[in-house]
mmCIF file of all heavy atoms, coordinates in Angstrom:
data_MODEL
# 
_entry.id   MODEL 
# 
loop_
_atom_site.group_PDB 
_atom_site.id 
_atom_site.type_symbol 
_atom_site.label_atom_id 
_atom_site.label_alt_id 
_atom_site.label_comp_id 
_atom_site.label_asym_id 
_atom_site.label_entity_id 
_atom_site.label_seq_id 
_atom_site.pdbx_PDB_ins_code 
_atom_site.Cartn_x 
_atom_site.Cartn_y 
_atom_site.Cartn_z 
_atom_site.occupancy 
_atom_site.B_iso_or_equiv 
_atom_site.pdbx_formal_charge 
_atom_site.auth_seq_id 
_atom_site.auth_comp_id 
_atom_site.auth_asym_id 
_atom_site.auth_atom_id 
_atom_site.pdbx_PDB_model_num 
ATOM 1   N N   . THR A 1 1  ? 11.959 -10.358 12.476 1.00 0.00 ? 1  THR A N   1 
ATOM 2   C CA  . THR A 1 1  ? 10.649 -10.810 12.022 1.00 0.00 ? 1  THR A CA  1 
ATOM 3   C C   . THR A 1 1  ? 9.702  -10.728 13.212 1.00 0.00 ? 1  THR A C   1 
ATOM 4   O O   . THR A 1 1  ? 10.124 -10.884 14.368 1.00 0.00 ? 1  THR A O   1 
ATOM 5   C CB  . THR A 1 1  ? 10.694 -12.259 11.502 1.00 0.00 ? 1  THR A CB  1 
ATOM 6   O OG1 . THR A 1 1  ? 11.095 -13.128 12.574 1.00 0.00 ? 1  THR A OG1 1 
ATOM 7   C CG2 . THR A 1 1  ? 11.662 -12.404 10.340 1.00 0.00 ? 1  THR A CG2 1 
ATOM 8   N N   . PRO A 1 2  ? 8.415  -10.492 12.993 1.00 0.00 ? 2  PRO A N   1 
ATOM 9   C CA  . PRO A 1 2  ? 7.496  -10.399 14.135 1.00 0.00 ? 2  PRO A CA  1 
ATOM 10  C C   . PRO A 1 2  ? 7.436  -11.684 14.954 1.00 0.00 ? 2  PRO A C   1 
ATOM 11  O O   . PRO A 1 2  ? 7.316  -11.632 16.180 1.00 0.00 ? 2  PRO A O   1 
ATOM 12  C CB  . PRO A 1 2  ? 6.152  -10.071 13.487 1.00 0.00 ? 2  PRO A CB  1 
ATOM 13  C CG  . PRO A 1 2  ? 6.308  -10.343 12.031 1.00 0.00 ? 2  PRO A CG  1 
ATOM 14  C CD  . PRO A 1 2  ? 7.748  -10.194 11.718 1.00 0.00 ? 2  PRO A CD  1 
ATOM 15  N N   . SER A 1 3  ? 7.539  -12.827 14.297 1.00 0.00 ? 3  SER A N   1 
ATOM 16  C CA  . SER A 1 3  ? 7.478  -14.087 15.044 1.00 0.00 ? 3  SER A CA  1 
ATOM 17  C C   . SER A 1 3  ? 8.698  -14.247 15.951 1.00 0.00 ? 3  SER A C   1 
ATOM 18  O O   . SER A 1 3  ? 8.589  -14.745 17.076 1.00 0.00 ? 3  SER A O   1 
ATOM 19  C CB  . SER A 1 3  ? 7.363  -15.270 14.082 1.00 0.00 ? 3  SER A CB  1 
ATOM 20  O OG  . SER A 1 3  ? 8.418  -15.274 13.144 1.00 0.00 ? 3  SER A OG  1 
ATOM 21  N N   . TYR A 1 4  ? 9.884  -13.793 15.487 1.00 0.00 ? 4  TYR A N   1 
ATOM 22  C CA  . TYR A 1 4  ? 11.056 -13.901 16.342 1.00 0.00 ? 4  TYR A CA  1 
ATOM 23  C C   . TYR A 1 4  ? 11.014 -12.860 17.460 1.00 0.00 ? 4  TYR A C   1 
ATOM 24  O O   . TYR A 1 4  ? 11.462 -13.120 18.583 1.00 0.00 ? 4  TYR A O   1 
ATOM 25  C CB  . TYR A 1 4  ? 12.350 -13.784 15.541 1.00 0.00 ? 4  TYR A CB  1 
ATOM 26  C CG  . TYR A 1 4  ? 13.565 -14.099 16.390 1.00 0.00 ? 4  TYR A CG  1 
ATOM 27  C CD1 . TYR A 1 4  ? 13.636 -15.303 17.092 1.00 0.00 ? 4  TYR A CD1 1 
ATOM 28  C CD2 . TYR A 1 4  ? 14.607 -13.196 16.524 1.00 0.00 ? 4  TYR A CD2 1 
ATOM 29  C CE1 . TYR A 1 4  ? 14.731 -15.599 17.901 1.00 0.00 ? 4  TYR A CE1 1 
ATOM 30  C CE2 . TYR A 1 4  ? 15.706 -13.490 17.322 1.00 0.00 ? 4  TYR A CE2 1 
ATOM 31  C CZ  . TYR A 1 4  ? 15.761 -14.690 18.005 1.00 0.00 ? 4  TYR A CZ  1 
ATOM 32  O OH  . TYR A 1 4  ? 16.824 -14.980 18.812 1.00 0.00 ? 4  TYR A OH  1 
ATOM 33  N N   . ALA A 1 5  ? 10.466 -11.679 17.178 1.00 0.00 ? 5  ALA A N   1 
ATOM 34  C CA  . ALA A 1 5  ? 10.305 -10.680 18.236 1.00 0.00 ? 5  ALA A CA  1 
ATOM 35  C C   . ALA A 1 5  ? 9.407  -11.224 19.342 1.00 0.00 ? 5  ALA A C   1 
ATOM 36  O O   . ALA A 1 5  ? 9.658  -10.996 20.534 1.00 0.00 ? 5  ALA A O   1 
ATOM 37  C CB  . ALA A 1 5  ? 9.719  -9.398  17.646 1.00 0.00 ? 5  ALA A CB  1 
ATOM 38  N N   . LEU A 1 6  ? 8.374  -11.952 18.951 1.00 0.00 ? 6  LEU A N   1 
ATOM 39  C CA  . LEU A 1 6  ? 7.496  -12.571 19.937 1.00 0.00 ? 6  LEU A CA  1 
ATOM 40  C C   . LEU A 1 6  ? 8.256  -13.611 20.752 1.00 0.00 ? 6  LEU A C   1 
ATOM 41  O O   . LEU A 1 6  ? 8.080  -13.727 21.976 1.00 0.00 ? 6  LEU A O   1 
ATOM 42  C CB  . LEU A 1 6  ? 6.311  -13.230 19.223 1.00 0.00 ? 6  LEU A CB  1 
ATOM 43  C CG  . LEU A 1 6  ? 5.192  -13.778 20.096 1.00 0.00 ? 6  LEU A CG  1 
ATOM 44  C CD1 . LEU A 1 6  ? 4.510  -12.662 20.869 1.00 0.00 ? 6  LEU A CD1 1 
ATOM 45  C CD2 . LEU A 1 6  ? 4.176  -14.510 19.229 1.00 0.00 ? 6  LEU A CD2 1 
ATOM 46  N N   . ASN A 1 7  ? 9.131  -14.355 20.089 1.00 0.00 ? 7  ASN A N   1 
ATOM 47  C CA  . ASN A 1 7  ? 9.974  -15.333 20.777 1.00 0.00 ? 7  ASN A CA  1 
ATOM 48  C C   . ASN A 1 7  ? 10.893 -14.633 21.789 1.00 0.00 ? 7  ASN A C   1 
ATOM 49  O O   . ASN A 1 7  ? 11.067 -15.104 22.923 1.00 0.00 ? 7  ASN A O   1 
ATOM 50  C CB  . ASN A 1 7  ? 10.804 -16.095 19.741 1.00 0.00 ? 7  ASN A CB  1 
ATOM 51  C CG  . ASN A 1 7  ? 11.490 -17.320 20.308 1.00 0.00 ? 7  ASN A CG  1 
ATOM 52  O OD1 . ASN A 1 7  ? 11.254 -17.726 21.437 1.00 0.00 ? 7  ASN A OD1 1 
ATOM 53  N ND2 . ASN A 1 7  ? 12.364 -17.921 19.516 1.00 0.00 ? 7  ASN A ND2 1 
ATOM 54  N N   . ILE A 1 8  ? 11.466 -13.504 21.405 1.00 0.00 ? 8  ILE A N   1 
ATOM 55  C CA  . ILE A 1 8  ? 12.310 -12.727 22.316 1.00 0.00 ? 8  ILE A CA  1 
ATOM 56  C C   . ILE A 1 8  ? 11.513 -12.297 23.547 1.00 0.00 ? 8  ILE A C   1 
ATOM 57  O O   . ILE A 1 8  ? 11.975 -12.404 24.687 1.00 0.00 ? 8  ILE A O   1 
ATOM 58  C CB  . ILE A 1 8  ? 12.912 -11.508 21.586 1.00 0.00 ? 8  ILE A CB  1 
ATOM 59  C CG1 . ILE A 1 8  ? 13.971 -11.960 20.569 1.00 0.00 ? 8  ILE A CG1 1 
ATOM 60  C CG2 . ILE A 1 8  ? 13.507 -10.504 22.570 1.00 0.00 ? 8  ILE A CG2 1 
ATOM 61  C CD1 . ILE A 1 8  ? 14.510 -10.846 19.681 1.00 0.00 ? 8  ILE A CD1 1 
ATOM 62  N N   . ALA A 1 9  ? 10.284 -11.814 23.315 1.00 0.00 ? 9  ALA A N   1 
ATOM 63  C CA  . ALA A 1 9  ? 9.444  -11.377 24.437 1.00 0.00 ? 9  ALA A CA  1 
ATOM 64  C C   . ALA A 1 9  ? 9.160  -12.533 25.388 1.00 0.00 ? 9  ALA A C   1 
ATOM 65  O O   . ALA A 1 9  ? 9.226  -12.378 26.618 1.00 0.00 ? 9  ALA A O   1 
ATOM 66  C CB  . ALA A 1 9  ? 8.139  -10.792 23.903 1.00 0.00 ? 9  ALA A CB  1 
ATOM 67  N N   . GLU A 1 10 ? 8.858  -13.686 24.822 1.00 0.00 ? 10 GLU A N   1 
ATOM 68  C CA  . GLU A 1 10 ? 8.519  -14.855 25.628 1.00 0.00 ? 10 GLU A CA  1 
ATOM 69  C C   . GLU A 1 10 ? 9.714  -15.320 26.465 1.00 0.00 ? 10 GLU A C   1 
ATOM 70  O O   . GLU A 1 10 ? 9.582  -15.591 27.668 1.00 0.00 ? 10 GLU A O   1 
ATOM 71  C CB  . GLU A 1 10 ? 8.051  -15.982 24.706 1.00 0.00 ? 10 GLU A CB  1 
ATOM 72  C CG  . GLU A 1 10 ? 7.593  -17.238 25.419 1.00 0.00 ? 10 GLU A CG  1 
ATOM 73  C CD  . GLU A 1 10 ? 7.099  -18.277 24.419 1.00 0.00 ? 10 GLU A CD  1 
ATOM 74  O OE1 . GLU A 1 10 ? 7.902  -18.697 23.569 1.00 0.00 ? 10 GLU A OE1 1 
ATOM 75  O OE2 . GLU A 1 10 ? 5.924  -18.643 24.487 1.00 0.00 ? 10 GLU A OE2 1 
ATOM 76  N N   . VAL A 1 11 ? 10.889 -15.407 25.849 1.00 0.00 ? 11 VAL A N   1 
ATOM 77  C CA  . VAL A 1 11 ? 12.074 -15.859 26.569 1.00 0.00 ? 11 VAL A CA  1 
ATOM 78  C C   . VAL A 1 11 ? 12.456 -14.848 27.653 1.00 0.00 ? 11 VAL A C   1 
ATOM 79  O O   . VAL A 1 11 ? 12.867 -15.229 28.764 1.00 0.00 ? 11 VAL A O   1 
ATOM 80  C CB  . VAL A 1 11 ? 13.245 -16.102 25.591 1.00 0.00 ? 11 VAL A CB  1 
ATOM 81  C CG1 . VAL A 1 11 ? 14.534 -16.401 26.345 1.00 0.00 ? 11 VAL A CG1 1 
ATOM 82  C CG2 . VAL A 1 11 ? 12.910 -17.250 24.635 1.00 0.00 ? 11 VAL A CG2 1 
ATOM 83  N N   . ALA A 1 12 ? 12.320 -13.556 27.355 1.00 0.00 ? 12 ALA A N   1 
ATOM 84  C CA  . ALA A 1 12 ? 12.625 -12.529 28.361 1.00 0.00 ? 12 ALA A CA  1 
ATOM 85  C C   . ALA A 1 12 ? 11.734 -12.696 29.585 1.00 0.00 ? 12 ALA A C   1 
ATOM 86  O O   . ALA A 1 12 ? 12.198 -12.586 30.731 1.00 0.00 ? 12 ALA A O   1 
ATOM 87  C CB  . ALA A 1 12 ? 12.456 -11.138 27.760 1.00 0.00 ? 12 ALA A CB  1 
ATOM 88  N N   . GLU A 1 13 ? 10.453 -12.974 29.344 1.00 0.00 ? 13 GLU A N   1 
ATOM 89  C CA  . GLU A 1 13 ? 9.535  -13.181 30.460 1.00 0.00 ? 13 GLU A CA  1 
ATOM 90  C C   . GLU A 1 13 ? 9.947  -14.398 31.280 1.00 0.00 ? 13 GLU A C   1 
ATOM 91  O O   . GLU A 1 13 ? 9.903  -14.376 32.520 1.00 0.00 ? 13 GLU A O   1 
ATOM 92  C CB  . GLU A 1 13 ? 8.112  -13.331 29.926 1.00 0.00 ? 13 GLU A CB  1 
ATOM 93  C CG  . GLU A 1 13 ? 7.540  -12.025 29.373 1.00 0.00 ? 13 GLU A CG  1 
ATOM 94  C CD  . GLU A 1 13 ? 6.349  -12.242 28.442 1.00 0.00 ? 13 GLU A CD  1 
ATOM 95  O OE1 . GLU A 1 13 ? 5.886  -13.400 28.308 1.00 0.00 ? 13 GLU A OE1 1 
ATOM 96  O OE2 . GLU A 1 13 ? 5.884  -11.248 27.831 1.00 0.00 ? 13 GLU A OE2 1 
ATOM 97  N N   . GLN A 1 14 ? 10.377 -15.460 30.601 1.00 0.00 ? 14 GLN A N   1 
ATOM 98  C CA  . GLN A 1 14 ? 10.826 -16.658 31.309 1.00 0.00 ? 14 GLN A CA  1 
ATOM 99  C C   . GLN A 1 14 ? 12.091 -16.389 32.120 1.00 0.00 ? 14 GLN A C   1 
ATOM 100 O O   . GLN A 1 14 ? 12.302 -16.985 33.178 1.00 0.00 ? 14 GLN A O   1 
ATOM 101 C CB  . GLN A 1 14 ? 11.076 -17.786 30.304 1.00 0.00 ? 14 GLN A CB  1 
ATOM 102 C CG  . GLN A 1 14 ? 9.817  -18.299 29.620 1.00 0.00 ? 14 GLN A CG  1 
ATOM 103 C CD  . GLN A 1 14 ? 10.118 -19.194 28.423 1.00 0.00 ? 14 GLN A CD  1 
ATOM 104 O OE1 . GLN A 1 14 ? 11.275 -19.416 28.064 1.00 0.00 ? 14 GLN A OE1 1 
ATOM 105 N NE2 . GLN A 1 14 ? 9.071  -19.713 27.783 1.00 0.00 ? 14 GLN A NE2 1 
ATOM 106 N N   . MET A 1 15 ? 12.937 -15.480 31.633 1.00 0.00 ? 15 MET A N   1 
ATOM 107 C CA  . MET A 1 15 ? 14.174 -15.122 32.337 1.00 0.00 ? 15 MET A CA  1 
ATOM 108 C C   . MET A 1 15 ? 13.931 -14.130 33.470 1.00 0.00 ? 15 MET A C   1 
ATOM 109 O O   . MET A 1 15 ? 14.848 -13.823 34.246 1.00 0.00 ? 15 MET A O   1 
ATOM 110 C CB  . MET A 1 15 ? 15.178 -14.517 31.346 1.00 0.00 ? 15 MET A CB  1 
ATOM 111 C CG  . MET A 1 15 ? 15.696 -15.462 30.284 1.00 0.00 ? 15 MET A CG  1 
ATOM 112 S SD  . MET A 1 15 ? 16.606 -14.564 28.973 1.00 0.00 ? 15 MET A SD  1 
ATOM 113 C CE  . MET A 1 15 ? 17.968 -13.818 29.896 1.00 0.00 ? 15 MET A CE  1 
ATOM 114 N N   . GLY A 1 16 ? 12.716 -13.589 33.525 1.00 0.00 ? 16 GLY A N   1 
ATOM 115 C CA  . GLY A 1 16 ? 12.435 -12.567 34.522 1.00 0.00 ? 16 GLY A CA  1 
ATOM 116 C C   . GLY A 1 16 ? 12.975 -11.203 34.153 1.00 0.00 ? 16 GLY A C   1 
ATOM 117 O O   . GLY A 1 16 ? 13.162 -10.347 35.009 1.00 0.00 ? 16 GLY A O   1 
ATOM 118 N N   . VAL A 1 17 ? 13.220 -10.979 32.863 1.00 0.00 ? 17 VAL A N   1 
ATOM 119 C CA  . VAL A 1 17 ? 13.737 -9.701  32.369 1.00 0.00 ? 17 VAL A CA  1 
ATOM 120 C C   . VAL A 1 17 ? 12.569 -8.871  31.834 1.00 0.00 ? 17 VAL A C   1 
ATOM 121 O O   . VAL A 1 17 ? 11.778 -9.348  31.023 1.00 0.00 ? 17 VAL A O   1 
ATOM 122 C CB  . VAL A 1 17 ? 14.776 -9.917  31.252 1.00 0.00 ? 17 VAL A CB  1 
ATOM 123 C CG1 . VAL A 1 17 ? 15.205 -8.582  30.650 1.00 0.00 ? 17 VAL A CG1 1 
ATOM 124 C CG2 . VAL A 1 17 ? 15.987 -10.674 31.781 1.00 0.00 ? 17 VAL A CG2 1 
ATOM 125 N N   . SER A 1 18 ? 12.472 -7.634  32.275 1.00 0.00 ? 18 SER A N   1 
ATOM 126 C CA  . SER A 1 18 ? 11.391 -6.754  31.827 1.00 0.00 ? 18 SER A CA  1 
ATOM 127 C C   . SER A 1 18 ? 11.888 -5.858  30.697 1.00 0.00 ? 18 SER A C   1 
ATOM 128 O O   . SER A 1 18 ? 12.514 -4.816  30.929 1.00 0.00 ? 18 SER A O   1 
ATOM 129 C CB  . SER A 1 18 ? 10.877 -5.893  32.985 1.00 0.00 ? 18 SER A CB  1 
ATOM 130 O OG  . SER A 1 18 ? 9.886  -4.996  32.511 1.00 0.00 ? 18 SER A OG  1 
ATOM 131 N N   . LEU A 1 19 ? 11.597 -6.263  29.475 1.00 0.00 ? 19 LEU A N   1 
ATOM 132 C CA  . LEU A 1 19 ? 11.962 -5.427  28.328 1.00 0.00 ? 19 LEU A CA  1 
ATOM 133 C C   . LEU A 1 19 ? 11.118 -4.165  28.280 1.00 0.00 ? 19 LEU A C   1 
ATOM 134 O O   . LEU A 1 19 ? 11.501 -3.162  27.676 1.00 0.00 ? 19 LEU A O   1 
ATOM 135 C CB  . LEU A 1 19 ? 11.806 -6.224  27.033 1.00 0.00 ? 19 LEU A CB  1 
ATOM 136 C CG  . LEU A 1 19 ? 12.830 -7.353  26.813 1.00 0.00 ? 19 LEU A CG  1 
ATOM 137 C CD1 . LEU A 1 19 ? 12.497 -8.155  25.568 1.00 0.00 ? 19 LEU A CD1 1 
ATOM 138 C CD2 . LEU A 1 19 ? 14.245 -6.798  26.716 1.00 0.00 ? 19 LEU A CD2 1 
ATOM 139 N N   . ILE A 1 20 ? 9.965  -4.204  28.940 1.00 0.00 ? 20 ILE A N   1 
ATOM 140 C CA  . ILE A 1 20 ? 9.090  -3.030  28.965 1.00 0.00 ? 20 ILE A CA  1 
ATOM 141 C C   . ILE A 1 20 ? 9.789  -1.864  29.670 1.00 0.00 ? 20 ILE A C   1 
ATOM 142 O O   . ILE A 1 20 ? 9.583  -0.697  29.325 1.00 0.00 ? 20 ILE A O   1 
ATOM 143 C CB  . ILE A 1 20 ? 7.753  -3.381  29.657 1.00 0.00 ? 20 ILE A CB  1 
ATOM 144 C CG1 . ILE A 1 20 ? 6.970  -4.381  28.800 1.00 0.00 ? 20 ILE A CG1 1 
ATOM 145 C CG2 . ILE A 1 20 ? 6.911  -2.131  29.907 1.00 0.00 ? 20 ILE A CG2 1 
ATOM 146 C CD1 . ILE A 1 20 ? 5.724  -4.912  29.446 1.00 0.00 ? 20 ILE A CD1 1 
ATOM 147 N N   . GLU A 1 21 ? 10.626 -2.178  30.640 1.00 0.00 ? 21 GLU A N   1 
ATOM 148 C CA  . GLU A 1 21 ? 11.321 -1.133  31.396 1.00 0.00 ? 21 GLU A CA  1 
ATOM 149 C C   . GLU A 1 21 ? 12.646 -0.737  30.749 1.00 0.00 ? 21 GLU A C   1 
ATOM 150 O O   . GLU A 1 21 ? 13.329 0.164   31.250 1.00 0.00 ? 21 GLU A O   1 
ATOM 151 C CB  . GLU A 1 21 ? 11.549 -1.616  32.831 1.00 0.00 ? 21 GLU A CB  1 
ATOM 152 C CG  . GLU A 1 21 ? 10.250 -1.867  33.587 1.00 0.00 ? 21 GLU A CG  1 
ATOM 153 C CD  . GLU A 1 21 ? 10.479 -2.488  34.955 1.00 0.00 ? 21 GLU A CD  1 
ATOM 154 O OE1 . GLU A 1 21 ? 11.649 -2.537  35.385 1.00 0.00 ? 21 GLU A OE1 1 
ATOM 155 O OE2 . GLU A 1 21 ? 9.492  -2.932  35.576 1.00 0.00 ? 21 GLU A OE2 1 
ATOM 156 N N   . ALA A 1 22 ? 13.031 -1.411  29.665 1.00 0.00 ? 22 ALA A N   1 
ATOM 157 C CA  . ALA A 1 22 ? 14.281 -1.102  28.963 1.00 0.00 ? 22 ALA A CA  1 
ATOM 158 C C   . ALA A 1 22 ? 14.077 0.112   28.052 1.00 0.00 ? 22 ALA A C   1 
ATOM 159 O O   . ALA A 1 22 ? 12.947 0.548   27.808 1.00 0.00 ? 22 ALA A O   1 
ATOM 160 C CB  . ALA A 1 22 ? 14.720 -2.309  28.145 1.00 0.00 ? 22 ALA A CB  1 
ATOM 161 N N   . PRO A 1 23 ? 15.168 0.681   27.503 1.00 0.00 ? 23 PRO A N   1 
ATOM 162 C CA  . PRO A 1 23 ? 15.030 1.806   26.563 1.00 0.00 ? 23 PRO A CA  1 
ATOM 163 C C   . PRO A 1 23 ? 14.301 1.446   25.270 1.00 0.00 ? 23 PRO A C   1 
ATOM 164 O O   . PRO A 1 23 ? 13.926 2.336   24.497 1.00 0.00 ? 23 PRO A O   1 
ATOM 165 C CB  . PRO A 1 23 ? 16.481 2.198   26.278 1.00 0.00 ? 23 PRO A CB  1 
ATOM 166 C CG  . PRO A 1 23 ? 17.270 1.670   27.434 1.00 0.00 ? 23 PRO A CG  1 
ATOM 167 C CD  . PRO A 1 23 ? 16.575 0.412   27.842 1.00 0.00 ? 23 PRO A CD  1 
ATOM 168 N N   . LEU A 1 24 ? 14.124 0.149   25.001 1.00 0.00 ? 24 LEU A N   1 
ATOM 169 C CA  . LEU A 1 24 ? 13.498 -0.297  23.756 1.00 0.00 ? 24 LEU A CA  1 
ATOM 170 C C   . LEU A 1 24 ? 12.168 0.421   23.538 1.00 0.00 ? 24 LEU A C   1 
ATOM 171 O O   . LEU A 1 24 ? 11.286 0.390   24.400 1.00 0.00 ? 24 LEU A O   1 
ATOM 172 C CB  . LEU A 1 24 ? 13.282 -1.808  23.820 1.00 0.00 ? 24 LEU A CB  1 
ATOM 173 C CG  . LEU A 1 24 ? 13.151 -2.565  22.496 1.00 0.00 ? 24 LEU A CG  1 
ATOM 174 C CD1 . LEU A 1 24 ? 14.395 -2.401  21.638 1.00 0.00 ? 24 LEU A CD1 1 
ATOM 175 C CD2 . LEU A 1 24 ? 12.884 -4.049  22.763 1.00 0.00 ? 24 LEU A CD2 1 
ATOM 176 N N   . ALA A 1 25 ? 12.019 1.072   22.378 1.00 0.00 ? 25 ALA A N   1 
ATOM 177 C CA  . ALA A 1 25 ? 10.820 1.861   22.114 1.00 0.00 ? 25 ALA A CA  1 
ATOM 178 C C   . ALA A 1 25 ? 10.193 1.575   20.760 1.00 0.00 ? 25 ALA A C   1 
ATOM 179 O O   . ALA A 1 25 ? 9.001  1.831   20.555 1.00 0.00 ? 25 ALA A O   1 
ATOM 180 C CB  . ALA A 1 25 ? 11.156 3.355   22.195 1.00 0.00 ? 25 ALA A CB  1 
ATOM 181 N N   . ILE A 1 26 ? 10.987 1.038   19.821 1.00 0.00 ? 26 ILE A N   1 
ATOM 182 C CA  . ILE A 1 26 ? 10.510 0.877   18.443 1.00 0.00 ? 26 ILE A CA  1 
ATOM 183 C C   . ILE A 1 26 ? 10.836 -0.531  17.970 1.00 0.00 ? 26 ILE A C   1 
ATOM 184 O O   . ILE A 1 26 ? 11.949 -1.024  18.187 1.00 0.00 ? 26 ILE A O   1 
ATOM 185 C CB  . ILE A 1 26 ? 11.170 1.904   17.503 1.00 0.00 ? 26 ILE A CB  1 
ATOM 186 C CG1 . ILE A 1 26 ? 10.828 3.340   17.926 1.00 0.00 ? 26 ILE A CG1 1 
ATOM 187 C CG2 . ILE A 1 26 ? 10.755 1.677   16.046 1.00 0.00 ? 26 ILE A CG2 1 
ATOM 188 C CD1 . ILE A 1 26 ? 11.740 4.372   17.323 1.00 0.00 ? 26 ILE A CD1 1 
ATOM 189 N N   . GLY A 1 27 ? 9.891  -1.175  17.314 1.00 0.00 ? 27 GLY A N   1 
ATOM 190 C CA  . GLY A 1 27 ? 10.138 -2.439  16.635 1.00 0.00 ? 27 GLY A CA  1 
ATOM 191 C C   . GLY A 1 27 ? 9.874  -2.257  15.152 1.00 0.00 ? 27 GLY A C   1 
ATOM 192 O O   . GLY A 1 27 ? 8.843  -1.695  14.770 1.00 0.00 ? 27 GLY A O   1 
ATOM 193 N N   . VAL A 1 28 ? 10.813 -2.694  14.320 1.00 0.00 ? 28 VAL A N   1 
ATOM 194 C CA  . VAL A 1 28 ? 10.637 -2.606  12.861 1.00 0.00 ? 28 VAL A CA  1 
ATOM 195 C C   . VAL A 1 28 ? 10.592 -4.040  12.353 1.00 0.00 ? 28 VAL A C   1 
ATOM 196 O O   . VAL A 1 28 ? 11.617 -4.724  12.291 1.00 0.00 ? 28 VAL A O   1 
ATOM 197 C CB  . VAL A 1 28 ? 11.766 -1.802  12.193 1.00 0.00 ? 28 VAL A CB  1 
ATOM 198 C CG1 . VAL A 1 28 ? 11.415 -1.526  10.735 1.00 0.00 ? 28 VAL A CG1 1 
ATOM 199 C CG2 . VAL A 1 28 ? 12.006 -0.492  12.926 1.00 0.00 ? 28 VAL A CG2 1 
# 
């Protein structure tokens, strides 16, 4: 769900993990 994807982004930022640099390219 978009709201949970936003939650994933927020927690990743808090963990210091850059999902932007990961292979992740598409969100459905």
